[in-house]
Amino acid sequence: MTVTAARRTMSLSRPVARTAAVAALSAAALLGGGLTAQAAAPTRTTGAAVELAPAGALATQCYYRVNASGGLLIRSGPGTGYSVVGSYANGSTILASASTTNGFRKVGTNRWVSAAYTVRITSYPCE
């Protein structure tokens, strides 16, 4: 391969990678997949191929402080109709889902707490 051909190949890979990332963002927006620009940004380029960050790599859990004077009940599902399976003391630091379902944050398998009694601890990064 000549130097000119090598330069031409290298200059083509960046626009192709950029186009693939834009296409992924556009598809996510059209399908309502909830992907953000950060999530769909290429994590590594190899030639013209682009590998996207896996869905599990997105920030899905954050640290929260329990803000309930009597403690916070842990329920088996996202609602007050689910059974109580435990509790957290007021002031406890917990790792919980960043998103909510019916006003509840997921803290484990079949373990949910009311989001109304959790306060995000911004000094810790979300995972």
C-alpha atoms as a PDB file:
ATOM      1  CA  MET A   1       0.000   0.000   0.000  1.00  0.00           C
ATOM      2  CA  THR A   2       1.355   3.420  -0.854  1.00  0.00           C
ATOM      3  CA  VAL A   3       1.583   6.282   1.599  1.00  0.00           C
ATOM      4  CA  THR A   4      -1.201   8.098  -0.269  1.00  0.00           C
ATOM      5  CA  ALA A   5      -3.472   5.026  -0.075  1.00  0.00           C
ATOM      6  CA  ALA A   6      -2.746   4.633   3.647  1.00  0.00           C
ATOM      7  CA  ARG A   7      -3.617   8.298   4.280  1.00  0.00           C
ATOM      8  CA  ARG A   8      -6.829   7.916   2.298  1.00  0.00           C
ATOM      9  CA  THR A   9      -7.804   4.818   4.342  1.00  0.00           C
ATOM     10  CA  MET A  10      -7.099   6.575   7.661  1.00  0.00           C
ATOM     11  CA  SER A  11      -9.040   9.671   6.670  1.00  0.00           C
ATOM     12  CA  LEU A  12     -12.089   7.587   5.714  1.00  0.00           C
ATOM     13  CA  SER A  13     -12.326   5.714   9.032  1.00  0.00           C
ATOM     14  CA  ARG A  14     -13.167   8.785  11.162  1.00  0.00           C
ATOM     15  CA  PRO A  15     -16.176   9.940   9.084  1.00  0.00           C
ATOM     16  CA  VAL A  16     -17.466   6.362   8.925  1.00  0.00           C
ATOM     17  CA  ALA A  17     -17.158   6.011  12.707  1.00  0.00           C
ATOM     18  CA  ARG A  18     -18.858   9.363  13.225  1.00  0.00           C
ATOM     19  CA  THR A  19     -21.653   8.375  10.820  1.00  0.00           C
ATOM     20  CA  ALA A  20     -22.202   5.104  12.687  1.00  0.00           C
ATOM     21  CA  ALA A  21     -22.440   6.927  16.021  1.00  0.00           C
ATOM     22  CA  VAL A  22     -24.917   9.459  14.589  1.00  0.00           C
ATOM     23  CA  ALA A  23     -26.976   6.615  13.110  1.00  0.00           C
ATOM     24  CA  ALA A  24     -27.095   4.869  16.495  1.00  0.00           C
ATOM     25  CA  LEU A  25     -28.246   8.069  18.210  1.00  0.00           C
ATOM     26  CA  SER A  26     -30.880   8.683  15.548  1.00  0.00           C
ATOM     27  CA  ALA A  27     -32.220   5.137  15.827  1.00  0.00           C
ATOM     28  CA  ALA A  28     -32.392   5.427  19.610  1.00  0.00           C
ATOM     29  CA  ALA A  29     -34.283   8.705  19.355  1.00  0.00           C
ATOM     30  CA  LEU A  30     -36.762   7.281  16.841  1.00  0.00           C
ATOM     31  CA  LEU A  31     -37.360   4.122  18.839  1.00  0.00           C
ATOM     32  CA  GLY A  32     -37.531   5.913  22.176  1.00  0.00           C
ATOM     33  CA  GLY A  33     -34.865   3.618  23.591  1.00  0.00           C
ATOM     34  CA  GLY A  34     -33.766   6.192  26.141  1.00  0.00           C
ATOM     35  CA  LEU A  35     -30.137   6.169  25.020  1.00  0.00           C
ATOM     36  CA  THR A  36     -28.209   9.345  25.643  1.00  0.00           C
ATOM     37  CA  ALA A  37     -25.379  10.784  23.599  1.00  0.00           C
ATOM     38  CA  GLN A  38     -22.983   9.527  26.256  1.00  0.00           C
ATOM     39  CA  ALA A  39     -24.353   5.997  26.027  1.00  0.00           C
ATOM     40  CA  ALA A  40     -24.176   5.815  22.242  1.00  0.00           C
ATOM     41  CA  ALA A  41     -20.789   7.470  21.852  1.00  0.00           C
ATOM     42  CA  PRO A  42     -18.211   5.092  20.443  1.00  0.00           C
ATOM     43  CA  THR A  43     -15.969   3.611  23.084  1.00  0.00           C
ATOM     44  CA  ARG A  44     -13.380   2.245  20.695  1.00  0.00           C
ATOM     45  CA  THR A  45     -12.825   2.493  16.969  1.00  0.00           C
ATOM     46  CA  THR A  46     -11.059  -0.174  14.994  1.00  0.00           C
ATOM     47  CA  GLY A  47     -10.683   0.929  11.407  1.00  0.00           C
ATOM     48  CA  ALA A  48     -14.173   1.690  10.134  1.00  0.00           C
ATOM     49  CA  ALA A  49     -15.944  -0.417  12.778  1.00  0.00           C
ATOM     50  CA  VAL A  50     -17.420   1.215  15.877  1.00  0.00           C
ATOM     51  CA  GLU A  51     -18.131  -0.636  19.108  1.00  0.00           C
ATOM     52  CA  LEU A  52     -20.798   0.939  21.303  1.00  0.00           C
ATOM     53  CA  ALA A  53     -20.742   0.763  25.078  1.00  0.00           C
ATOM     54  CA  PRO A  54     -22.930  -2.115  26.307  1.00  0.00           C
ATOM     55  CA  ALA A  55     -26.239  -1.160  27.930  1.00  0.00           C
ATOM     56  CA  GLY A  56     -25.008  -2.400  31.314  1.00  0.00           C
ATOM     57  CA  ALA A  57     -22.155   0.116  31.195  1.00  0.00           C
ATOM     58  CA  LEU A  58     -24.529   3.048  31.588  1.00  0.00           C
ATOM     59  CA  ALA A  59     -24.881   4.787  34.924  1.00  0.00           C
ATOM     60  CA  THR A  60     -27.859   2.953  36.382  1.00  0.00           C
ATOM     61  CA  GLN A  61     -27.265   3.105  40.129  1.00  0.00           C
ATOM     62  CA  CYS A  62     -26.440   6.011  42.410  1.00  0.00           C
ATOM     63  CA  TYR A  63     -25.753   6.474  46.106  1.00  0.00           C
ATOM     64  CA  TYR A  64     -28.582   7.827  48.249  1.00  0.00           C
ATOM     65  CA  ARG A  65     -29.003   8.767  51.895  1.00  0.00           C
ATOM     66  CA  VAL A  66     -32.133   7.547  53.672  1.00  0.00           C
ATOM     67  CA  ASN A  67     -34.157  10.550  54.851  1.00  0.00           C
ATOM     68  CA  ALA A  68     -36.966   8.998  56.895  1.00  0.00           C
ATOM     69  CA  SER A  69     -37.027   9.637  60.649  1.00  0.00           C
ATOM     70  CA  GLY A  70     -38.548   6.237  61.426  1.00  0.00           C
ATOM     71  CA  GLY A  71     -36.388   4.364  58.909  1.00  0.00           C
ATOM     72  CA  LEU A  72     -37.213   3.264  55.381  1.00  0.00           C
ATOM     73  CA  LEU A  73     -39.111   0.072  54.596  1.00  0.00           C
ATOM     74  CA  ILE A  74     -37.787  -2.259  51.924  1.00  0.00           C
ATOM     75  CA  ARG A  75     -40.606  -3.865  49.935  1.00  0.00           C
ATOM     76  CA  SER A  76     -40.711  -6.875  47.615  1.00  0.00           C
ATOM     77  CA  GLY A  77     -42.014  -4.749  44.722  1.00  0.00           C
ATOM     78  CA  PRO A  78     -42.453  -1.151  43.572  1.00  0.00           C
ATOM     79  CA  GLY A  79     -45.524  -0.164  45.594  1.00  0.00           C
ATOM     80  CA  THR A  80     -47.062  -0.044  49.057  1.00  0.00           C
ATOM     81  CA  GLY A  81     -49.131  -3.142  48.279  1.00  0.00           C
ATOM     82  CA  TYR A  82     -46.003  -5.310  48.299  1.00  0.00           C
ATOM     83  CA  SER A  83     -44.800  -7.054  51.446  1.00  0.00           C
ATOM     84  CA  VAL A  84     -42.125  -5.550  53.699  1.00  0.00           C
ATOM     85  CA  VAL A  85     -38.881  -7.545  53.527  1.00  0.00           C
ATOM     86  CA  GLY A  86     -36.581  -5.314  55.577  1.00  0.00           C
ATOM     87  CA  SER A  87     -35.697  -1.724  56.450  1.00  0.00           C
ATOM     88  CA  TYR A  88     -32.904   0.849  56.422  1.00  0.00           C
ATOM     89  CA  ALA A  89     -32.147   3.155  59.343  1.00  0.00           C
ATOM     90  CA  ASN A  90     -32.467   6.916  58.872  1.00  0.00           C
ATOM     91  CA  GLY A  91     -29.176   8.321  57.560  1.00  0.00           C
ATOM     92  CA  SER A  92     -28.064   5.039  55.952  1.00  0.00           C
ATOM     93  CA  THR A  93     -26.207   5.222  52.647  1.00  0.00           C
ATOM     94  CA  ILE A  94     -27.667   2.914  50.008  1.00  0.00           C
ATOM     95  CA  LEU A  95     -26.931   2.066  46.385  1.00  0.00           C
ATOM     96  CA  ALA A  96     -30.163   2.188  44.385  1.00  0.00           C
ATOM     97  CA  SER A  97     -31.396   2.536  40.820  1.00  0.00           C
ATOM     98  CA  ALA A  98     -31.224   6.040  39.376  1.00  0.00           C
ATOM     99  CA  SER A  99     -34.630   5.574  37.738  1.00  0.00           C
ATOM    100  CA  THR A 100     -37.903   5.001  39.536  1.00  0.00           C
ATOM    101  CA  THR A 101     -40.940   2.787  39.004  1.00  0.00           C
ATOM    102  CA  ASN A 102     -44.181   3.972  40.592  1.00  0.00           C
ATOM    103  CA  GLY A 103     -42.100   6.263  42.828  1.00  0.00           C
ATOM    104  CA  PHE A 104     -39.855   3.414  44.055  1.00  0.00           C
ATOM    105  CA  ARG A 105     -36.144   2.757  43.543  1.00  0.00           C
ATOM    106  CA  LYS A 106     -34.788  -0.762  43.097  1.00  0.00           C
ATOM    107  CA  VAL A 107     -32.139  -1.693  45.695  1.00  0.00           C
ATOM    108  CA  GLY A 108     -31.790  -5.392  44.855  1.00  0.00           C
ATOM    109  CA  THR A 109     -33.607  -8.409  43.487  1.00  0.00           C
ATOM    110  CA  ASN A 110     -37.232  -8.046  44.639  1.00  0.00           C
ATOM    111  CA  ARG A 111     -36.177  -5.186  46.949  1.00  0.00           C
ATOM    112  CA  TRP A 112     -37.573  -1.660  46.512  1.00  0.00           C
ATOM    113  CA  VAL A 113     -37.677   1.555  48.582  1.00  0.00           C
ATOM    114  CA  SER A 114     -39.769   4.704  48.258  1.00  0.00           C
ATOM    115  CA  ALA A 115     -37.844   7.328  46.264  1.00  0.00           C
ATOM    116  CA  ALA A 116     -39.545  10.080  48.285  1.00  0.00           C
ATOM    117  CA  TYR A 117     -37.341   9.197  51.261  1.00  0.00           C
ATOM    118  CA  THR A 118     -34.028   9.016  49.416  1.00  0.00           C
ATOM    119  CA  VAL A 119     -31.674  11.943  48.774  1.00  0.00           C
ATOM    120  CA  ARG A 120     -28.984  11.648  46.084  1.00  0.00           C
ATOM    121  CA  ILE A 121     -25.425  11.920  47.434  1.00  0.00           C
ATOM    122  CA  THR A 122     -23.766  13.974  44.701  1.00  0.00           C
ATOM    123  CA  SER A 123     -20.245  13.565  46.087  1.00  0.00           C
ATOM    124  CA  TYR A 124     -20.300   9.905  44.925  1.00  0.00           C
ATOM    125  CA  PRO A 125     -20.448   9.108  41.211  1.00  0.00           C
ATOM    126  CA  CYS A 126     -23.237   6.953  39.839  1.00  0.00           C
ATOM    127  CA  GLU A 127     -22.230   3.489  38.646  1.00  0.00           C
END
